[in-house]
Each structure stands twice: as structure tokens, then as C-alpha cells.
Amino acid sequence: MPVYRRGYQRYAGPVTAHRHRMLAFPRHAWKRLMEQRLVVLVMLASFFWPLLCAVFVYLSNRADLLQGFDKAFVAFLEVKGRFFLIFMNVQSAAAVILAALAGPGLVAPDLTNNALPLYLSRPVSRFDYVLGRWLVLAALLSPVTWIPGLLLFAIQSGMAGWGWFAANWRLGAGVLLGFAAWILLVSLVALAGSALVRWRIIAGALVLAFFFVLAGAAQIIRQILRTEWSVLMDPGGAMYRIWSSLLGVEAPEGPGALACGLALIAMALLLAWVLERRLRPVEVVS
């Protein structure tokens, strides 16, 4: 029978599970990222600071090596909330750079080549698409953020003993929760920038500008108006105050963790709105 005489019927065969369809995005995108030398080099360089922090933790727990030193120096070597706050502050910058390198290649090529209709014609929703792309960045940023942070906490707990863990367990929880919020924000910025601008270089520059230009603008407003509330427009500064609250470290003067959290939620909602407007299977041109 000729093909044109055959009636078309809906596919009734086996369908892959929903999680398998969604995980197809990060599985293939992760392979492409690992083929980019610059991404791999930056990722390897971001491990240098955690290694130095691990040496610091080792030295702080060797009482025999600290004998004879000044008490102020010995107190400086103690592993407390301030130590983890400095660690998170440095690694957060590495996460931004990695997201600026990897994020623009996740969404922009699909928009440039009109691939979204092909993706969304399958049993995949826009939420699945965004979540799949977000998982790529989450998997890329985790080895340089919360994973080494928890490893440092585990090393300190193992060397200092159960008593230290029982008294400072909130430090580990603060590192995990703080970095989870940072990964979510950085990934949303990278995805929104990639969806907004189709050129990778400009999209990467947009990601860096979101953090560093806003931080500079907040400092200018602070100097002109003499107000600490300008930090609410600085995502890094606002997150720093939230981390200080999670780790039990005294934060700078100005808005508290609640106000900073609300400001970051507003930024995240704005970024989600950009993704919702840009990621559409069809475009109507009047």
C-alpha cells in the first residue's frame, strides 16, 4: 500500500520515564562542557583554595606544631564561622566565573537554531527544559562550592572530635544551605543571560556584569547617599549577610538577613520571568 494512503495514528508504544527524558539534557550538555579546555582549567584552578583551607584545618588541629606561638596567632588558626565565611566568599567568585563560561552555551544555541520547537514537541515541558539546563550548572558548580565545603567541615570534625561537631554542626548546615542558594541564583542569572542574548561572549559578559557591576553601583550609591541599604541591589553583598547569619558571624551594619533574602528572591523571580518570556516554542511576529 502506498505511504500516502496509510492513515496516521498516534504512537502507542513504550514511553521512557519522565526523569529519563529530563536527564537527557544534562547528560549530553555535561559532555560538551568537559570538552572545553577553558572550563576545565578554571574548574581545576578553583580547587586550589580548598586545598589551602584543608592545610589550614590540619595545622589548626596540630597542637604540637603550635607550641611556642603567640596566643593571638593560635586564636587566628581556630576553625570557626569566620573561616567558612571566607572560604565561601572566595569560592562564590569561582562559581560566577564558571557559570559565565558554561551558561551561555546552554540556551543560546537552541534559540539561535530554533531548536525549542523540536524539544517541546516531545513530551517535555518548558519547566523540564529549564530544570535540565539548571542541573548542568548545578553539577558543574557543586564540586567547587558545597562539596569541598562539607569536606572541610568533615575534616575538622574528624580531627577535633565529636564535641566540636556537636557544638558547631550549624556551620556544616550553613555551608550547605548558603551554597545551595548561591548556586540557584548564579544558575538563574546564567540561564537568563543566555536566553536574553544569543551571542555567547556577550551573554557571559552579562553574567559577570550582573554581579560585579551591581556591586560597584551599590558601592557608589552607598558613598553618595551614606546608606548601607544599597547592599540590597548587590547580590554578592546581600548573600554575604545571609551567610554571616547562617554561620553565626557578626554581619556588617545595615539590612539584616531577612531583608537581603527578600531582595534576592525578587531578583530570582525577575530572572524566572525573563526565562518564561524568552523560552517559547513559537514566536508571533505582527
Foldseek 3Di string as FASTA:
>chain_A
DDPVPDDDDDDDDDDDDPVVLLQVQLVVLLVVQVVDPVLVVLLVVLVVVLVVLLVLLVVLLPVVVCPPDDPVVNVVSDDALVSLLVLQLVLLVSLLLSLLQRLLVRPLVCLVVLVLLVSVVPPADLVSSLVSSLVNSCVSSVVNFLVSSLVSVVSNCVSVDPVVCVVQVLSNVLRVVLVVLSSLLLNLLSNLLSLVDNDSNVSSVSSVCQAPVLVVVLVVCCVVVVAPASCLSHLSSLSSQLSCVSRVHDHDDHDHNVSSVVSSVVVSVVSVVSSVVRSDSDDDDD
